[in-house]
Amino acid sequence: MVRKTKEDAELTRQSIIHAAREVFLVRGVSRTTMEHIATQANVTRGAVYWHFKNKTELFHAMREQVFLPLIDRMDDTLLVEGSEPPLTRIENFLYSTIQTLEDSIETRQIYEIMMIKCEYVDELADVLQQILSNCSGITEKVALVYGRAKSKGHLRDGLDPDQLAQDTNLFFTGLLHMWVKDIHGSRFRHQARALIQSHIALRKK
């Protein structure tokens, strides 16, 4: 009975996150209230507050649905040594992120909310700092792989792994922003893979 209650509670929590994503997408984060989310989830406002103390906590939970799998995929694709050269691993990680956006409507919607439908002010100001911290962590891991590429003699002469990682972070962040905004797919979505390939090719010896 206790297990069933816990399962029901988790189902309710997930339905609230799902409802929040739907409302954020339509109304934007700043114009969404917990009441709006409760109505969309077909639960009481008290039920929403039982799971999430405020909208910021709910936003974090929604964001984790895409960010935690990204970290797992990054560790598997980037950091696990295998038969593929380091630069290929970086290229595959960037490809896989675009592929996930193409395959998962939930992921696309959450990226759209984070990049287009959210103002990082007031109660969400701290979220922006968390995003910047996460970006730094990703950049550090990419720098490790560029370092491995350099030690194997795969990088063009004179290139610094830390600077390359920062450049890749800025390039890919910009590409993701434009990919998400290119709703009709007429500008950036269809050439994302070619842009990634060119970005990596410029580093190869």
C-alpha atoms as a PDB file:
ATOM      1  CA  MET A   1       0.000   0.000   0.000  1.00  0.00           C
ATOM      2  CA  VAL A   2       2.858   2.367   0.873  1.00  0.00           C
ATOM      3  CA  ARG A   3       4.585   1.504  -2.401  1.00  0.00           C
ATOM      4  CA  LYS A   4       1.394   2.174  -4.316  1.00  0.00           C
ATOM      5  CA  THR A   5       1.034   5.541  -2.603  1.00  0.00           C
ATOM      6  CA  LYS A   6       4.617   6.451  -3.526  1.00  0.00           C
ATOM      7  CA  GLU A   7       4.003   5.415  -7.132  1.00  0.00           C
ATOM      8  CA  ASP A   8       0.840   7.522  -7.265  1.00  0.00           C
ATOM      9  CA  ALA A   9       2.705  10.497  -5.797  1.00  0.00           C
ATOM     10  CA  GLU A  10       5.440  10.176  -8.418  1.00  0.00           C
ATOM     11  CA  LEU A  11       2.858   9.943 -11.207  1.00  0.00           C
ATOM     12  CA  THR A  12       1.222  13.110  -9.900  1.00  0.00           C
ATOM     13  CA  ARG A  13       4.596  14.841  -9.730  1.00  0.00           C
ATOM     14  CA  GLN A  14       5.390  13.903 -13.320  1.00  0.00           C
ATOM     15  CA  SER A  15       1.962  15.046 -14.523  1.00  0.00           C
ATOM     16  CA  ILE A  16       2.557  18.423 -12.849  1.00  0.00           C
ATOM     17  CA  ILE A  17       5.929  18.786 -14.593  1.00  0.00           C
ATOM     18  CA  HIS A  18       4.270  17.824 -17.888  1.00  0.00           C
ATOM     19  CA  ALA A  19       1.514  20.381 -17.306  1.00  0.00           C
ATOM     20  CA  ALA A  20       4.054  23.069 -16.429  1.00  0.00           C
ATOM     21  CA  ARG A  21       5.900  22.444 -19.684  1.00  0.00           C
ATOM     22  CA  GLU A  22       2.679  22.819 -21.659  1.00  0.00           C
ATOM     23  CA  VAL A  23       1.685  26.049 -19.910  1.00  0.00           C
ATOM     24  CA  PHE A  24       5.204  27.554 -20.011  1.00  0.00           C
ATOM     25  CA  LEU A  25       5.280  26.897 -23.747  1.00  0.00           C
ATOM     26  CA  VAL A  26       2.036  28.803 -24.347  1.00  0.00           C
ATOM     27  CA  ARG A  27       2.150  31.547 -21.718  1.00  0.00           C
ATOM     28  CA  GLY A  28       5.856  31.945 -21.066  1.00  0.00           C
ATOM     29  CA  VAL A  29       7.362  31.278 -17.651  1.00  0.00           C
ATOM     30  CA  SER A  30       6.895  34.728 -16.129  1.00  0.00           C
ATOM     31  CA  ARG A  31       3.160  34.870 -16.965  1.00  0.00           C
ATOM     32  CA  THR A  32       2.471  31.372 -15.658  1.00  0.00           C
ATOM     33  CA  THR A  33       1.138  30.890 -12.126  1.00  0.00           C
ATOM     34  CA  MET A  34       0.929  27.765 -10.003  1.00  0.00           C
ATOM     35  CA  GLU A  35      -2.828  28.038 -10.446  1.00  0.00           C
ATOM     36  CA  HIS A  36      -2.435  27.775 -14.213  1.00  0.00           C
ATOM     37  CA  ILE A  37      -0.296  24.668 -13.785  1.00  0.00           C
ATOM     38  CA  ALA A  38      -2.728  23.076 -11.323  1.00  0.00           C
ATOM     39  CA  THR A  39      -5.602  23.624 -13.746  1.00  0.00           C
ATOM     40  CA  GLN A  40      -3.634  22.132 -16.642  1.00  0.00           C
ATOM     41  CA  ALA A  41      -2.641  19.110 -14.524  1.00  0.00           C
ATOM     42  CA  ASN A  42      -6.217  18.727 -13.247  1.00  0.00           C
ATOM     43  CA  VAL A  43      -5.079  18.794  -9.623  1.00  0.00           C
ATOM     44  CA  THR A  44      -5.547  21.239  -6.755  1.00  0.00           C
ATOM     45  CA  ARG A  45      -3.108  24.069  -6.224  1.00  0.00           C
ATOM     46  CA  GLY A  46      -2.296  22.447  -2.870  1.00  0.00           C
ATOM     47  CA  ALA A  47      -1.197  19.301  -4.696  1.00  0.00           C
ATOM     48  CA  VAL A  48       1.214  21.364  -6.791  1.00  0.00           C
ATOM     49  CA  TYR A  49       2.658  23.022  -3.690  1.00  0.00           C
ATOM     50  CA  TRP A  50       2.967  19.661  -1.964  1.00  0.00           C
ATOM     51  CA  HIS A  51       5.422  18.580  -4.661  1.00  0.00           C
ATOM     52  CA  PHE A  52       7.041  21.940  -5.460  1.00  0.00           C
ATOM     53  CA  LYS A  53       7.425  24.840  -3.064  1.00  0.00           C
ATOM     54  CA  ASN A  54       7.468  27.419  -5.869  1.00  0.00           C
ATOM     55  CA  LYS A  55       7.653  27.910  -9.629  1.00  0.00           C
ATOM     56  CA  THR A  56      11.451  28.029  -9.583  1.00  0.00           C
ATOM     57  CA  GLU A  57      11.665  24.544  -8.079  1.00  0.00           C
ATOM     58  CA  LEU A  58       9.218  23.291 -10.695  1.00  0.00           C
ATOM     59  CA  PHE A  59      11.241  24.926 -13.467  1.00  0.00           C
ATOM     60  CA  HIS A  60      14.381  23.177 -12.158  1.00  0.00           C
ATOM     61  CA  ALA A  61      12.584  19.815 -12.181  1.00  0.00           C
ATOM     62  CA  MET A  62      11.481  20.348 -15.774  1.00  0.00           C
ATOM     63  CA  ARG A  63      14.977  21.392 -16.812  1.00  0.00           C
ATOM     64  CA  GLU A  64      16.525  18.324 -15.180  1.00  0.00           C
ATOM     65  CA  GLN A  65      14.476  16.110 -17.495  1.00  0.00           C
ATOM     66  CA  VAL A  66      16.717  17.174 -20.361  1.00  0.00           C
ATOM     67  CA  PHE A  67      19.892  18.170 -18.537  1.00  0.00           C
ATOM     68  CA  LEU A  68      20.523  14.978 -16.537  1.00  0.00           C
ATOM     69  CA  PRO A  69      20.308  12.715 -19.633  1.00  0.00           C
ATOM     70  CA  LEU A  70      22.615  15.200 -21.394  1.00  0.00           C
ATOM     71  CA  ILE A  71      25.238  14.764 -18.661  1.00  0.00           C
ATOM     72  CA  ASP A  72      24.924  10.969 -18.817  1.00  0.00           C
ATOM     73  CA  ARG A  73      25.256  10.999 -22.587  1.00  0.00           C
ATOM     74  CA  MET A  74      28.200  13.370 -22.389  1.00  0.00           C
ATOM     75  CA  ASP A  75      30.068  11.129 -19.962  1.00  0.00           C
ATOM     76  CA  ASP A  76      29.406   8.053 -22.099  1.00  0.00           C
ATOM     77  CA  THR A  77      30.154   9.679 -25.453  1.00  0.00           C
ATOM     78  CA  LEU A  78      32.990  12.013 -24.525  1.00  0.00           C
ATOM     79  CA  LEU A  79      34.912  10.572 -21.628  1.00  0.00           C
ATOM     80  CA  VAL A  80      34.809   6.804 -22.133  1.00  0.00           C
ATOM     81  CA  GLU A  81      37.903   5.807 -24.059  1.00  0.00           C
ATOM     82  CA  GLY A  82      37.151   3.636 -27.077  1.00  0.00           C
ATOM     83  CA  SER A  83      38.195   2.997 -30.629  1.00  0.00           C
ATOM     84  CA  GLU A  84      37.044   6.418 -31.857  1.00  0.00           C
ATOM     85  CA  PRO A  85      39.511   9.319 -31.907  1.00  0.00           C
ATOM     86  CA  PRO A  86      38.902  12.129 -29.377  1.00  0.00           C
ATOM     87  CA  LEU A  87      37.749  14.656 -31.990  1.00  0.00           C
ATOM     88  CA  THR A  88      35.245  12.158 -33.330  1.00  0.00           C
ATOM     89  CA  ARG A  89      33.858  11.722 -29.820  1.00  0.00           C
ATOM     90  CA  ILE A  90      33.295  15.472 -29.518  1.00  0.00           C
ATOM     91  CA  GLU A  91      31.641  15.519 -32.936  1.00  0.00           C
ATOM     92  CA  ASN A  92      29.397  12.573 -32.009  1.00  0.00           C
ATOM     93  CA  PHE A  93      28.365  14.216 -28.742  1.00  0.00           C
ATOM     94  CA  LEU A  94      27.271  17.372 -30.584  1.00  0.00           C
ATOM     95  CA  TYR A  95      25.480  15.255 -33.190  1.00  0.00           C
ATOM     96  CA  SER A  96      23.684  13.240 -30.525  1.00  0.00           C
ATOM     97  CA  THR A  97      22.351  16.385 -28.863  1.00  0.00           C
ATOM     98  CA  ILE A  98      20.881  17.577 -32.156  1.00  0.00           C
ATOM     99  CA  GLN A  99      19.489  14.080 -32.774  1.00  0.00           C
ATOM    100  CA  THR A 100      17.751  14.128 -29.397  1.00  0.00           C
ATOM    101  CA  LEU A 101      16.132  17.453 -30.280  1.00  0.00           C
ATOM    102  CA  GLU A 102      14.958  15.987 -33.568  1.00  0.00           C
ATOM    103  CA  ASP A 103      13.584  12.808 -31.983  1.00  0.00           C
ATOM    104  CA  SER A 104      11.999  14.117 -28.768  1.00  0.00           C
ATOM    105  CA  ILE A 105       9.226  16.699 -28.807  1.00  0.00           C
ATOM    106  CA  GLU A 106       9.496  17.012 -25.009  1.00  0.00           C
ATOM    107  CA  THR A 107      13.185  17.904 -25.281  1.00  0.00           C
ATOM    108  CA  ARG A 108      12.481  20.432 -28.050  1.00  0.00           C
ATOM    109  CA  GLN A 109       9.763  22.056 -25.967  1.00  0.00           C
ATOM    110  CA  ILE A 110      11.933  22.340 -22.862  1.00  0.00           C
ATOM    111  CA  TYR A 111      14.797  23.880 -24.848  1.00  0.00           C
ATOM    112  CA  GLU A 112      12.315  26.294 -26.424  1.00  0.00           C
ATOM    113  CA  ILE A 113      11.061  27.284 -22.968  1.00  0.00           C
ATOM    114  CA  MET A 114      14.577  27.769 -21.593  1.00  0.00           C
ATOM    115  CA  MET A 115      15.827  29.724 -24.608  1.00  0.00           C
ATOM    116  CA  ILE A 116      12.779  31.667 -25.777  1.00  0.00           C
ATOM    117  CA  LYS A 117       9.958  31.575 -23.219  1.00  0.00           C
ATOM    118  CA  CYS A 118      11.838  32.470 -20.015  1.00  0.00           C
ATOM    119  CA  GLU A 119      13.136  35.720 -18.543  1.00  0.00           C
ATOM    120  CA  TYR A 120      15.876  34.993 -16.029  1.00  0.00           C
ATOM    121  CA  VAL A 121      14.943  37.726 -13.568  1.00  0.00           C
ATOM    122  CA  ASP A 122      13.423  37.887 -10.084  1.00  0.00           C
ATOM    123  CA  GLU A 123      12.870  34.364  -8.759  1.00  0.00           C
ATOM    124  CA  LEU A 124      14.587  32.812 -11.800  1.00  0.00           C
ATOM    125  CA  ALA A 125      17.754  34.912 -11.587  1.00  0.00           C
ATOM    126  CA  ASP A 126      19.528  32.115  -9.701  1.00  0.00           C
ATOM    127  CA  VAL A 127      18.609  29.651 -12.460  1.00  0.00           C
ATOM    128  CA  LEU A 128      20.756  31.637 -14.892  1.00  0.00           C
ATOM    129  CA  GLN A 129      23.751  31.262 -12.600  1.00  0.00           C
ATOM    130  CA  GLN A 130      23.117  27.511 -12.431  1.00  0.00           C
ATOM    131  CA  ILE A 131      23.012  27.330 -16.222  1.00  0.00           C
ATOM    132  CA  LEU A 132      26.327  29.188 -16.456  1.00  0.00           C
ATOM    133  CA  SER A 133      27.833  26.804 -13.900  1.00  0.00           C
ATOM    134  CA  ASN A 134      26.609  23.789 -15.888  1.00  0.00           C
ATOM    135  CA  CYS A 135      28.125  25.241 -19.063  1.00  0.00           C
ATOM    136  CA  SER A 136      31.472  25.579 -17.290  1.00  0.00           C
ATOM    137  CA  GLY A 137      31.320  21.929 -16.272  1.00  0.00           C
ATOM    138  CA  ILE A 138      30.602  20.828 -19.837  1.00  0.00           C
ATOM    139  CA  THR A 139      33.411  23.027 -21.177  1.00  0.00           C
ATOM    140  CA  GLU A 140      35.880  21.448 -18.745  1.00  0.00           C
ATOM    141  CA  LYS A 141      34.978  17.957 -19.966  1.00  0.00           C
ATOM    142  CA  VAL A 142      35.306  18.979 -23.617  1.00  0.00           C
ATOM    143  CA  ALA A 143      38.706  20.506 -22.791  1.00  0.00           C
ATOM    144  CA  LEU A 144      39.842  17.143 -21.415  1.00  0.00           C
ATOM    145  CA  VAL A 145      38.980  15.478 -24.716  1.00  0.00           C
ATOM    146  CA  TYR A 146      40.709  18.184 -26.746  1.00  0.00           C
ATOM    147  CA  GLY A 147      43.724  17.600 -24.479  1.00  0.00           C
ATOM    148  CA  ARG A 148      43.666  13.914 -25.363  1.00  0.00           C
ATOM    149  CA  ALA A 149      43.453  14.813 -29.049  1.00  0.00           C
ATOM    150  CA  LYS A 150      46.501  17.057 -28.672  1.00  0.00           C
ATOM    151  CA  SER A 151      48.495  14.340 -26.903  1.00  0.00           C
ATOM    152  CA  LYS A 152      47.738  11.974 -29.788  1.00  0.00           C
ATOM    153  CA  GLY A 153      48.866  14.556 -32.359  1.00  0.00           C
ATOM    154  CA  HIS A 154      45.389  15.038 -33.832  1.00  0.00           C
ATOM    155  CA  LEU A 155      45.120  18.806 -33.308  1.00  0.00           C
ATOM    156  CA  ARG A 156      46.519  21.436 -35.623  1.00  0.00           C
ATOM    157  CA  ASP A 157      49.700  23.017 -34.285  1.00  0.00           C
ATOM    158  CA  GLY A 158      49.343  25.934 -31.906  1.00  0.00           C
ATOM    159  CA  LEU A 159      45.794  25.196 -30.739  1.00  0.00           C
ATOM    160  CA  ASP A 160      45.057  25.250 -27.011  1.00  0.00           C
ATOM    161  CA  PRO A 161      42.571  22.658 -25.656  1.00  0.00           C
ATOM    162  CA  ASP A 162      41.026  25.045 -23.118  1.00  0.00           C
ATOM    163  CA  GLN A 163      40.447  27.761 -25.709  1.00  0.00           C
ATOM    164  CA  LEU A 164      39.081  25.214 -28.174  1.00  0.00           C
ATOM    165  CA  ALA A 165      36.625  23.925 -25.564  1.00  0.00           C
ATOM    166  CA  GLN A 166      35.406  27.449 -24.829  1.00  0.00           C
ATOM    167  CA  ASP A 167      35.036  28.093 -28.544  1.00  0.00           C
ATOM    168  CA  THR A 168      33.084  24.849 -29.013  1.00  0.00           C
ATOM    169  CA  ASN A 169      30.819  25.728 -26.098  1.00  0.00           C
ATOM    170  CA  LEU A 170      30.034  29.152 -27.561  1.00  0.00           C
ATOM    171  CA  PHE A 171      29.586  27.745 -31.068  1.00  0.00           C
ATOM    172  CA  PHE A 172      27.230  24.989 -29.968  1.00  0.00           C
ATOM    173  CA  THR A 173      25.241  27.185 -27.582  1.00  0.00           C
ATOM    174  CA  GLY A 174      24.657  29.595 -30.442  1.00  0.00           C
ATOM    175  CA  LEU A 175      23.737  26.766 -32.795  1.00  0.00           C
ATOM    176  CA  LEU A 176      21.229  25.362 -30.287  1.00  0.00           C
ATOM    177  CA  HIS A 177      19.621  28.771 -29.876  1.00  0.00           C
ATOM    178  CA  MET A 178      19.234  29.209 -33.621  1.00  0.00           C
ATOM    179  CA  TRP A 179      18.119  25.581 -34.098  1.00  0.00           C
ATOM    180  CA  VAL A 180      15.346  26.040 -31.530  1.00  0.00           C
ATOM    181  CA  LYS A 181      14.239  29.363 -33.049  1.00  0.00           C
ATOM    182  CA  ASP A 182      14.226  27.905 -36.580  1.00  0.00           C
ATOM    183  CA  ILE A 183      10.771  26.388 -36.062  1.00  0.00           C
ATOM    184  CA  HIS A 184      10.117  25.879 -39.782  1.00  0.00           C
ATOM    185  CA  GLY A 185      13.539  24.325 -40.346  1.00  0.00           C
ATOM    186  CA  SER A 186      14.406  26.564 -43.271  1.00  0.00           C
ATOM    187  CA  ARG A 187      17.601  28.153 -41.951  1.00  0.00           C
ATOM    188  CA  PHE A 188      19.639  26.202 -39.390  1.00  0.00           C
ATOM    189  CA  ARG A 189      18.069  22.847 -38.606  1.00  0.00           C
ATOM    190  CA  HIS A 190      18.814  21.261 -41.960  1.00  0.00           C
ATOM    191  CA  GLN A 191      22.481  22.307 -41.889  1.00  0.00           C
ATOM    192  CA  ALA A 192      23.269  21.721 -38.207  1.00  0.00           C
ATOM    193  CA  ARG A 193      25.242  18.535 -38.884  1.00  0.00           C
ATOM    194  CA  ALA A 194      27.304  20.148 -41.635  1.00  0.00           C
ATOM    195  CA  LEU A 195      28.111  23.087 -39.359  1.00  0.00           C
ATOM    196  CA  ILE A 196      29.257  20.719 -36.606  1.00  0.00           C
ATOM    197  CA  GLN A 197      31.386  18.763 -39.078  1.00  0.00           C
ATOM    198  CA  SER A 198      33.046  21.969 -40.296  1.00  0.00           C
ATOM    199  CA  HIS A 199      33.638  23.151 -36.737  1.00  0.00           C
ATOM    200  CA  ILE A 200      35.527  19.983 -35.850  1.00  0.00           C
ATOM    201  CA  ALA A 201      37.330  19.764 -39.201  1.00  0.00           C
ATOM    202  CA  LEU A 202      38.942  23.167 -38.601  1.00  0.00           C
ATOM    203  CA  ARG A 203      40.726  21.672 -35.583  1.00  0.00           C
ATOM    204  CA  LYS A 204      42.092  18.538 -37.210  1.00  0.00           C
ATOM    205  CA  LYS A 205      45.702  18.234 -38.236  1.00  0.00           C
END
